[in-house]
């Protein structure tokens, strides 16, 4: 259900360039190991296949993440069901 809802949000341009989403991403951990962590990232490209987003770390480096639609938890601080209710989106 979330994938359909996120695709509808992308189609209506609610999720577009510059939107902040909280998603589980693969990031580099201590020692260079890849870990899956939830992060707030800024969207650069959003389409039906997924989202490309980035964040700026404290050292000033950009990190780019490829995010699957199923890994997105909330948009601009609102959980997906509440956002759907606010925009009157009904997905069955």
PDB file of N, CA and C in Angstrom:
ATOM      1  N   UNK A   1       0.819  -1.185   0.000  1.00  0.00           N
ATOM      2  CA  UNK A   1       0.000   0.000   0.000  1.00  0.00           C
ATOM      3  C   UNK A   1       0.870   1.260   0.000  1.00  0.00           C
ATOM      4  N   UNK A   2       1.953   1.278   0.770  1.00  0.00           N
ATOM      5  CA  UNK A   2       2.809   2.461   0.825  1.00  0.00           C
ATOM      6  C   UNK A   2       3.416   2.778  -0.533  1.00  0.00           C
ATOM      7  N   UNK A   3       3.788   1.753  -1.302  1.00  0.00           N
ATOM      8  CA  UNK A   3       4.358   2.017  -2.625  1.00  0.00           C
ATOM      9  C   UNK A   3       3.355   2.733  -3.521  1.00  0.00           C
ATOM     10  N   UNK A   4       2.086   2.303  -3.498  1.00  0.00           N
ATOM     11  CA  UNK A   4       1.058   2.962  -4.301  1.00  0.00           C
ATOM     12  C   UNK A   4       0.867   4.398  -3.837  1.00  0.00           C
ATOM     13  N   UNK A   5       0.855   4.591  -2.538  1.00  0.00           N
ATOM     14  CA  UNK A   5       0.679   5.932  -1.985  1.00  0.00           C
ATOM     15  C   UNK A   5       1.847   6.841  -2.358  1.00  0.00           C
ATOM     16  N   UNK A   6       3.057   6.338  -2.257  1.00  0.00           N
ATOM     17  CA  UNK A   6       4.235   7.144  -2.599  1.00  0.00           C
ATOM     18  C   UNK A   6       4.246   7.465  -4.094  1.00  0.00           C
ATOM     19  N   UNK A   7       3.855   6.509  -4.938  1.00  0.00           N
ATOM     20  CA  UNK A   7       3.771   6.782  -6.379  1.00  0.00           C
ATOM     21  C   UNK A   7       2.744   7.876  -6.660  1.00  0.00           C
ATOM     22  N   UNK A   8       1.639   7.873  -5.929  1.00  0.00           N
ATOM     23  CA  UNK A   8       0.624   8.911  -6.102  1.00  0.00           C
ATOM     24  C   UNK A   8       1.155  10.264  -5.628  1.00  0.00           C
ATOM     25  N   UNK A   9       1.909  10.282  -4.532  1.00  0.00           N
ATOM     26  CA  UNK A   9       2.503  11.528  -4.048  1.00  0.00           C
ATOM     27  C   UNK A   9       3.516  12.082  -5.052  1.00  0.00           C
ATOM     28  N   UNK A  10       4.253  11.203  -5.708  1.00  0.00           N
ATOM     29  CA  UNK A  10       5.203  11.635  -6.738  1.00  0.00           C
ATOM     30  C   UNK A  10       4.443  12.163  -7.956  1.00  0.00           C
ATOM     31  N   UNK A  11       3.372  11.460  -8.343  1.00  0.00           N
ATOM     32  CA  UNK A  11       2.577  11.878  -9.500  1.00  0.00           C
ATOM     33  C   UNK A  11       1.963  13.261  -9.277  1.00  0.00           C
ATOM     34  N   UNK A  12       1.535  13.539  -8.050  1.00  0.00           N
ATOM     35  CA  UNK A  12       0.937  14.841  -7.726  1.00  0.00           C
ATOM     36  C   UNK A  12       1.989  15.901  -7.390  1.00  0.00           C
ATOM     37  N   UNK A  13       3.249  15.519  -7.500  1.00  0.00           N
ATOM     38  CA  UNK A  13       4.385  16.410  -7.252  1.00  0.00           C
ATOM     39  C   UNK A  13       4.457  16.906  -5.811  1.00  0.00           C
ATOM     40  N   UNK A  14       3.934  16.109  -4.882  1.00  0.00           N
ATOM     41  CA  UNK A  14       4.098  16.401  -3.460  1.00  0.00           C
ATOM     42  C   UNK A  14       5.509  16.005  -3.045  1.00  0.00           C
ATOM     43  N   UNK A  15       5.977  14.885  -3.584  1.00  0.00           N
ATOM     44  CA  UNK A  15       7.386  14.505  -3.426  1.00  0.00           C
ATOM     45  C   UNK A  15       8.077  14.921  -4.719  1.00  0.00           C
ATOM     46  N   UNK A  16       8.914  15.932  -4.626  1.00  0.00           N
ATOM     47  CA  UNK A  16       9.632  16.431  -5.786  1.00  0.00           C
ATOM     48  C   UNK A  16      10.994  16.936  -5.324  1.00  0.00           C
ATOM     49  N   UNK A  17      11.723  17.577  -6.219  1.00  0.00           N
ATOM     50  CA  UNK A  17      13.062  18.063  -5.895  1.00  0.00           C
ATOM     51  C   UNK A  17      12.997  19.034  -4.712  1.00  0.00           C
ATOM     52  N   UNK A  18      13.843  18.779  -3.707  1.00  0.00           N
ATOM     53  CA  UNK A  18      13.902  19.632  -2.535  1.00  0.00           C
ATOM     54  C   UNK A  18      13.079  19.155  -1.357  1.00  0.00           C
ATOM     55  N   UNK A  19      12.226  18.157  -1.558  1.00  0.00           N
ATOM     56  CA  UNK A  19      11.406  17.627  -0.476  1.00  0.00           C
ATOM     57  C   UNK A  19      12.285  16.832   0.486  1.00  0.00           C
ATOM     58  N   UNK A  20      12.061  16.991   1.785  1.00  0.00           N
ATOM     59  CA  UNK A  20      12.794  16.231   2.788  1.00  0.00           C
ATOM     60  C   UNK A  20      12.005  14.983   3.136  1.00  0.00           C
ATOM     61  N   UNK A  21      12.653  13.819   3.024  1.00  0.00           N
ATOM     62  CA  UNK A  21      12.024  12.553   3.397  1.00  0.00           C
ATOM     63  C   UNK A  21      12.892  11.850   4.418  1.00  0.00           C
ATOM     64  N   UNK A  22      12.243  11.077   5.278  1.00  0.00           N
ATOM     65  CA  UNK A  22      12.964  10.216   6.195  1.00  0.00           C
ATOM     66  C   UNK A  22      12.891   8.818   5.612  1.00  0.00           C
ATOM     67  N   UNK A  23      14.052   8.221   5.362  1.00  0.00           N
ATOM     68  CA  UNK A  23      14.094   6.913   4.721  1.00  0.00           C
ATOM     69  C   UNK A  23      15.243   6.096   5.278  1.00  0.00           C
ATOM     70  N   UNK A  24      15.129   4.790   5.150  1.00  0.00           N
ATOM     71  CA  UNK A  24      16.226   3.900   5.519  1.00  0.00           C
ATOM     72  C   UNK A  24      17.174   3.831   4.338  1.00  0.00           C
ATOM     73  N   UNK A  25      18.424   4.221   4.559  1.00  0.00           N
ATOM     74  CA  UNK A  25      19.425   4.266   3.499  1.00  0.00           C
ATOM     75  C   UNK A  25      20.635   3.428   3.879  1.00  0.00           C
ATOM     76  N   UNK A  26      21.431   3.063   2.896  1.00  0.00           N
ATOM     77  CA  UNK A  26      22.696   2.367   3.127  1.00  0.00           C
ATOM     78  C   UNK A  26      23.790   3.412   3.246  1.00  0.00           C
ATOM     79  N   UNK A  27      24.368   3.522   4.433  1.00  0.00           N
ATOM     80  CA  UNK A  27      25.407   4.513   4.681  1.00  0.00           C
ATOM     81  C   UNK A  27      26.680   3.816   5.133  1.00  0.00           C
ATOM     82  N   UNK A  28      27.799   4.516   5.022  1.00  0.00           N
ATOM     83  CA  UNK A  28      29.056   3.955   5.492  1.00  0.00           C
ATOM     84  C   UNK A  28      29.173   4.148   6.998  1.00  0.00           C
ATOM     85  N   UNK A  29      29.457   3.060   7.684  1.00  0.00           N
ATOM     86  CA  UNK A  29      29.615   3.107   9.128  1.00  0.00           C
ATOM     87  C   UNK A  29      31.085   3.138   9.513  1.00  0.00           C
ATOM     88  N   UNK A  30      31.335   2.892  10.766  1.00  0.00           N
ATOM     89  CA  UNK A  30      32.709   2.875  11.269  1.00  0.00           C
ATOM     90  C   UNK A  30      33.464   1.730  10.608  1.00  0.00           C
ATOM     91  N   UNK A  31      34.644   2.011  10.120  1.00  0.00           N
ATOM     92  CA  UNK A  31      35.451   0.999   9.453  1.00  0.00           C
ATOM     93  C   UNK A  31      35.044   0.760   8.010  1.00  0.00           C
ATOM     94  N   UNK A  32      34.159   1.595   7.474  1.00  0.00           N
ATOM     95  CA  UNK A  32      33.765   1.456   6.083  1.00  0.00           C
ATOM     96  C   UNK A  32      32.679   0.431   5.828  1.00  0.00           C
ATOM     97  N   UNK A  33      32.144  -0.183   6.889  1.00  0.00           N
ATOM     98  CA  UNK A  33      31.070  -1.150   6.701  1.00  0.00           C
ATOM     99  C   UNK A  33      29.785  -0.428   6.324  1.00  0.00           C
ATOM    100  N   UNK A  34      29.016  -1.055   5.458  1.00  0.00           N
ATOM    101  CA  UNK A  34      27.736  -0.481   5.052  1.00  0.00           C
ATOM    102  C   UNK A  34      26.685  -0.863   6.090  1.00  0.00           C
ATOM    103  N   UNK A  35      25.970   0.149   6.598  1.00  0.00           N
ATOM    104  CA  UNK A  35      24.903  -0.072   7.566  1.00  0.00           C
ATOM    105  C   UNK A  35      23.623   0.570   7.047  1.00  0.00           C
ATOM    106  N   UNK A  36      22.486  -0.002   7.417  1.00  0.00           N
ATOM    107  CA  UNK A  36      21.183   0.542   7.037  1.00  0.00           C
ATOM    108  C   UNK A  36      20.666   1.387   8.193  1.00  0.00           C
ATOM    109  N   UNK A  37      20.500   2.676   7.973  1.00  0.00           N
ATOM    110  CA  UNK A  37      20.058   3.593   9.015  1.00  0.00           C
ATOM    111  C   UNK A  37      18.975   4.530   8.477  1.00  0.00           C
ATOM    112  N   UNK A  38      18.054   4.961   9.337  1.00  0.00           N
ATOM    113  CA  UNK A  38      17.082   5.966   8.906  1.00  0.00           C
ATOM    114  C   UNK A  38      17.717   7.352   8.939  1.00  0.00           C
ATOM    115  N   UNK A  39      17.514   8.126   7.874  1.00  0.00           N
ATOM    116  CA  UNK A  39      18.087   9.472   7.779  1.00  0.00           C
ATOM    117  C   UNK A  39      17.091  10.412   7.123  1.00  0.00           C
ATOM    118  N   UNK A  40      17.193  11.687   7.467  1.00  0.00           N
ATOM    119  CA  UNK A  40      16.461  12.724   6.755  1.00  0.00           C
ATOM    120  C   UNK A  40      17.327  13.183   5.595  1.00  0.00           C
ATOM    121  N   UNK A  41      16.823  13.020   4.384  1.00  0.00           N
ATOM    122  CA  UNK A  41      17.581  13.372   3.190  1.00  0.00           C
ATOM    123  C   UNK A  41      16.716  14.240   2.276  1.00  0.00           C
ATOM    124  N   UNK A  42      17.363  14.986   1.393  1.00  0.00           N
ATOM    125  CA  UNK A  42      16.668  15.879   0.466  1.00  0.00           C
ATOM    126  C   UNK A  42      16.585  15.226  -0.915  1.00  0.00           C
ATOM    127  N   UNK A  43      15.392  15.198  -1.479  1.00  0.00           N
ATOM    128  CA  UNK A  43      15.148  14.543  -2.767  1.00  0.00           C
ATOM    129  C   UNK A  43      15.730  15.373  -3.903  1.00  0.00           C
ATOM    130  N   UNK A  44      16.413  14.703  -4.849  1.00  0.00           N
ATOM    131  CA  UNK A  44      16.858  15.365  -6.076  1.00  0.00           C
ATOM    132  C   UNK A  44      16.076  14.857  -7.279  1.00  0.00           C
ATOM    133  N   UNK A  45      15.797  13.555  -7.328  1.00  0.00           N
ATOM    134  CA  UNK A  45      15.030  12.954  -8.427  1.00  0.00           C
ATOM    135  C   UNK A  45      14.010  11.999  -7.819  1.00  0.00           C
ATOM    136  N   UNK A  46      12.759  12.102  -8.242  1.00  0.00           N
ATOM    137  CA  UNK A  46      11.710  11.188  -7.776  1.00  0.00           C
ATOM    138  C   UNK A  46      10.943  10.669  -8.979  1.00  0.00           C
ATOM    139  N   UNK A  47      10.864   9.341  -9.101  1.00  0.00           N
ATOM    140  CA  UNK A  47      10.053   8.724 -10.147  1.00  0.00           C
ATOM    141  C   UNK A  47       9.488   7.417  -9.624  1.00  0.00           C
ATOM    142  N   UNK A  48       8.787   6.666 -10.484  1.00  0.00           N
ATOM    143  CA  UNK A  48       8.126   5.432 -10.053  1.00  0.00           C
ATOM    144  C   UNK A  48       9.104   4.324  -9.666  1.00  0.00           C
ATOM    145  N   UNK A  49      10.351   4.416 -10.097  1.00  0.00           N
ATOM    146  CA  UNK A  49      11.336   3.385  -9.787  1.00  0.00           C
ATOM    147  C   UNK A  49      12.004   3.585  -8.442  1.00  0.00           C
ATOM    148  N   UNK A  50      12.022   4.800  -7.958  1.00  0.00           N
ATOM    149  CA  UNK A  50      12.668   5.090  -6.694  1.00  0.00           C
ATOM    150  C   UNK A  50      13.003   6.563  -6.587  1.00  0.00           C
ATOM    151  N   UNK A  51      13.757   6.883  -5.554  1.00  0.00           N
ATOM    152  CA  UNK A  51      14.104   8.267  -5.266  1.00  0.00           C
ATOM    153  C   UNK A  51      15.615   8.365  -5.138  1.00  0.00           C
ATOM    154  N   UNK A  52      16.190   9.419  -5.698  1.00  0.00           N
ATOM    155  CA  UNK A  52      17.597   9.727  -5.482  1.00  0.00           C
ATOM    156  C   UNK A  52      17.614  10.940  -4.563  1.00  0.00           C
ATOM    157  N   UNK A  53      18.344  10.821  -3.459  1.00  0.00           N
ATOM    158  CA  UNK A  53      18.380  11.902  -2.475  1.00  0.00           C
ATOM    159  C   UNK A  53      19.813  12.113  -2.012  1.00  0.00           C
ATOM    160  N   UNK A  54      20.044  13.207  -1.299  1.00  0.00           N
ATOM    161  CA  UNK A  54      21.385  13.518  -0.822  1.00  0.00           C
ATOM    162  C   UNK A  54      21.302  14.174   0.550  1.00  0.00           C
ATOM    163  N   UNK A  55      22.426  14.188   1.235  1.00  0.00           N
ATOM    164  CA  UNK A  55      22.553  14.933   2.478  1.00  0.00           C
ATOM    165  C   UNK A  55      23.959  15.496   2.562  1.00  0.00           C
ATOM    166  N   UNK A  56      24.105  16.557   3.300  1.00  0.00           N
ATOM    167  CA  UNK A  56      25.389  17.192   3.527  1.00  0.00           C
ATOM    168  C   UNK A  56      25.816  16.843   4.950  1.00  0.00           C
ATOM    169  N   UNK A  57      26.994  16.209   5.107  1.00  0.00           N
ATOM    170  CA  UNK A  57      27.428  15.844   6.464  1.00  0.00           C
ATOM    171  C   UNK A  57      28.149  17.012   7.135  1.00  0.00           C
ATOM    172  N   UNK A  58      28.551  16.805   8.381  1.00  0.00           N
ATOM    173  CA  UNK A  58      29.167  17.874   9.169  1.00  0.00           C
ATOM    174  C   UNK A  58      30.514  18.329   8.602  1.00  0.00           C
ATOM    175  N   UNK A  59      31.173  17.465   7.854  1.00  0.00           N
ATOM    176  CA  UNK A  59      32.464  17.818   7.269  1.00  0.00           C
ATOM    177  C   UNK A  59      32.304  18.552   5.932  1.00  0.00           C
ATOM    178  N   UNK A  60      31.065  18.737   5.483  1.00  0.00           N
ATOM    179  CA  UNK A  60      30.825  19.457   4.246  1.00  0.00           C
ATOM    180  C   UNK A  60      30.812  18.593   3.001  1.00  0.00           C
ATOM    181  N   UNK A  61      30.784  17.264   3.161  1.00  0.00           N
ATOM    182  CA  UNK A  61      30.748  16.364   2.006  1.00  0.00           C
ATOM    183  C   UNK A  61      29.310  15.988   1.674  1.00  0.00           C
ATOM    184  N   UNK A  62      29.019  15.882   0.386  1.00  0.00           N
ATOM    185  CA  UNK A  62      27.705  15.435  -0.064  1.00  0.00           C
ATOM    186  C   UNK A  62      27.675  13.916  -0.122  1.00  0.00           C
ATOM    187  N   UNK A  63      26.551  13.340   0.282  1.00  0.00           N
ATOM    188  CA  UNK A  63      26.340  11.895   0.160  1.00  0.00           C
ATOM    189  C   UNK A  63      25.058  11.675  -0.629  1.00  0.00           C
ATOM    190  N   UNK A  64      25.131  10.846  -1.664  1.00  0.00           N
ATOM    191  CA  UNK A  64      23.998  10.555  -2.534  1.00  0.00           C
ATOM    192  C   UNK A  64      23.467   9.166  -2.198  1.00  0.00           C
ATOM    193  N   UNK A  65      22.151   9.040  -2.114  1.00  0.00           N
ATOM    194  CA  UNK A  65      21.524   7.769  -1.769  1.00  0.00           C
ATOM    195  C   UNK A  65      20.460   7.418  -2.799  1.00  0.00           C
ATOM    196  N   UNK A  66      20.436   6.160  -3.214  1.00  0.00           N
ATOM    197  CA  UNK A  66      19.355   5.624  -4.044  1.00  0.00           C
ATOM    198  C   UNK A  66      18.390   4.928  -3.094  1.00  0.00           C
ATOM    199  N   UNK A  67      17.148   5.372  -3.080  1.00  0.00           N
ATOM    200  CA  UNK A  67      16.179   4.897  -2.101  1.00  0.00           C
ATOM    201  C   UNK A  67      15.030   4.187  -2.810  1.00  0.00           C
ATOM    202  N   UNK A  68      14.688   2.988  -2.335  1.00  0.00           N
ATOM    203  CA  UNK A  68      13.504   2.302  -2.839  1.00  0.00           C
ATOM    204  C   UNK A  68      12.267   2.951  -2.218  1.00  0.00           C
ATOM    205  N   UNK A  69      11.165   2.919  -2.925  1.00  0.00           N
ATOM    206  CA  UNK A  69       9.945   3.542  -2.422  1.00  0.00           C
ATOM    207  C   UNK A  69       9.492   2.928  -1.102  1.00  0.00           C
ATOM    208  N   UNK A  70       9.714   1.646  -0.933  1.00  0.00           N
ATOM    209  CA  UNK A  70       9.287   0.973   0.300  1.00  0.00           C
ATOM    210  C   UNK A  70      10.115   1.384   1.508  1.00  0.00           C
ATOM    211  N   UNK A  71      11.253   2.050   1.303  1.00  0.00           N
ATOM    212  CA  UNK A  71      12.112   2.467   2.418  1.00  0.00           C
ATOM    213  C   UNK A  71      11.780   3.862   2.942  1.00  0.00           C
ATOM    214  N   UNK A  72      10.823   4.556   2.341  1.00  0.00           N
ATOM    215  CA  UNK A  72      10.453   5.893   2.784  1.00  0.00           C
ATOM    216  C   UNK A  72       9.461   5.785   3.935  1.00  0.00           C
ATOM    217  N   UNK A  73       9.755   6.491   5.054  1.00  0.00           N
ATOM    218  CA  UNK A  73       8.921   6.420   6.258  1.00  0.00           C
ATOM    219  C   UNK A  73       8.002   7.627   6.394  1.00  0.00           C
ATOM    220  N   UNK A  74       8.520   8.832   6.157  1.00  0.00           N
ATOM    221  CA  UNK A  74       7.677  10.018   6.233  1.00  0.00           C
ATOM    222  C   UNK A  74       8.191  11.088   5.281  1.00  0.00           C
ATOM    223  N   UNK A  75       7.335  12.068   5.021  1.00  0.00           N
ATOM    224  CA  UNK A  75       7.639  13.147   4.081  1.00  0.00           C
ATOM    225  C   UNK A  75       7.444  14.471   4.813  1.00  0.00           C
ATOM    226  N   UNK A  76       8.480  15.295   4.838  1.00  0.00           N
ATOM    227  CA  UNK A  76       8.435  16.593   5.512  1.00  0.00           C
ATOM    228  C   UNK A  76       7.935  16.468   6.949  1.00  0.00           C
ATOM    229  N   UNK A  77       8.311  15.381   7.617  1.00  0.00           N
ATOM    230  CA  UNK A  77       7.959  15.185   9.018  1.00  0.00           C
ATOM    231  C   UNK A  77       6.591  14.582   9.261  1.00  0.00           C
ATOM    232  N   UNK A  78       5.820  14.314   8.211  1.00  0.00           N
ATOM    233  CA  UNK A  78       4.485  13.725   8.371  1.00  0.00           C
ATOM    234  C   UNK A  78       4.510  12.272   7.920  1.00  0.00           C
ATOM    235  N   UNK A  79       3.894  11.394   8.723  1.00  0.00           N
ATOM    236  CA  UNK A  79       3.844  10.006   8.286  1.00  0.00           C
ATOM    237  C   UNK A  79       2.933   9.911   7.063  1.00  0.00           C
ATOM    238  N   UNK A  80       3.083   8.835   6.313  1.00  0.00           N
ATOM    239  CA  UNK A  80       2.454   8.727   4.996  1.00  0.00           C
ATOM    240  C   UNK A  80       0.930   8.709   5.060  1.00  0.00           C
ATOM    241  N   UNK A  81       0.353   8.034   6.057  1.00  0.00           N
ATOM    242  CA  UNK A  81      -1.098   7.967   6.154  1.00  0.00           C
ATOM    243  C   UNK A  81      -1.690   9.347   6.470  1.00  0.00           C
ATOM    244  N   UNK A  82      -1.020  10.102   7.334  1.00  0.00           N
ATOM    245  CA  UNK A  82      -1.509  11.440   7.666  1.00  0.00           C
ATOM    246  C   UNK A  82      -1.398  12.379   6.464  1.00  0.00           C
ATOM    247  N   UNK A  83      -0.316  12.247   5.717  1.00  0.00           N
ATOM    248  CA  UNK A  83      -0.132  13.064   4.525  1.00  0.00           C
ATOM    249  C   UNK A  83      -1.205  12.752   3.482  1.00  0.00           C
ATOM    250  N   UNK A  84      -1.526  11.465   3.332  1.00  0.00           N
ATOM    251  CA  UNK A  84      -2.573  11.062   2.388  1.00  0.00           C
ATOM    252  C   UNK A  84      -3.927  11.638   2.807  1.00  0.00           C
ATOM    253  N   UNK A  85      -4.189  11.639   4.099  1.00  0.00           N
ATOM    254  CA  UNK A  85      -5.442  12.193   4.591  1.00  0.00           C
ATOM    255  C   UNK A  85      -5.490  13.712   4.353  1.00  0.00           C
ATOM    256  N   UNK A  86      -4.364  14.390   4.552  1.00  0.00           N
ATOM    257  CA  UNK A  86      -4.314  15.847   4.349  1.00  0.00           C
ATOM    258  C   UNK A  86      -4.579  16.213   2.887  1.00  0.00           C
ATOM    259  N   UNK A  87      -4.092  15.399   1.952  1.00  0.00           N
ATOM    260  CA  UNK A  87      -4.294  15.675   0.521  1.00  0.00           C
ATOM    261  C   UNK A  87      -5.476  14.916  -0.062  1.00  0.00           C
ATOM    262  N   UNK A  88      -6.259  14.281   0.808  1.00  0.00           N
ATOM    263  CA  UNK A  88      -7.477  13.537   0.408  1.00  0.00           C
ATOM    264  C   UNK A  88      -7.162  12.477  -0.653  1.00  0.00           C
ATOM    265  N   UNK A  89      -6.133  11.686  -0.391  1.00  0.00           N
ATOM    266  CA  UNK A  89      -5.743  10.601  -1.288  1.00  0.00           C
ATOM    267  C   UNK A  89      -6.255   9.294  -0.680  1.00  0.00           C
ATOM    268  N   UNK A  90      -7.015   8.539  -1.462  1.00  0.00           N
ATOM    269  CA  UNK A  90      -7.510   7.251  -0.992  1.00  0.00           C
ATOM    270  C   UNK A  90      -6.929   6.161  -1.875  1.00  0.00           C
ATOM    271  N   UNK A  91      -6.117   5.300  -1.282  1.00  0.00           N
ATOM    272  CA  UNK A  91      -5.514   4.174  -1.990  1.00  0.00           C
ATOM    273  C   UNK A  91      -6.114   2.896  -1.414  1.00  0.00           C
ATOM    274  N   UNK A  92      -6.684   2.070  -2.263  1.00  0.00           N
ATOM    275  CA  UNK A  92      -7.268   0.819  -1.771  1.00  0.00           C
ATOM    276  C   UNK A  92      -6.487  -0.365  -2.214  1.00  0.00           C
TER     277      UNK A  92
END
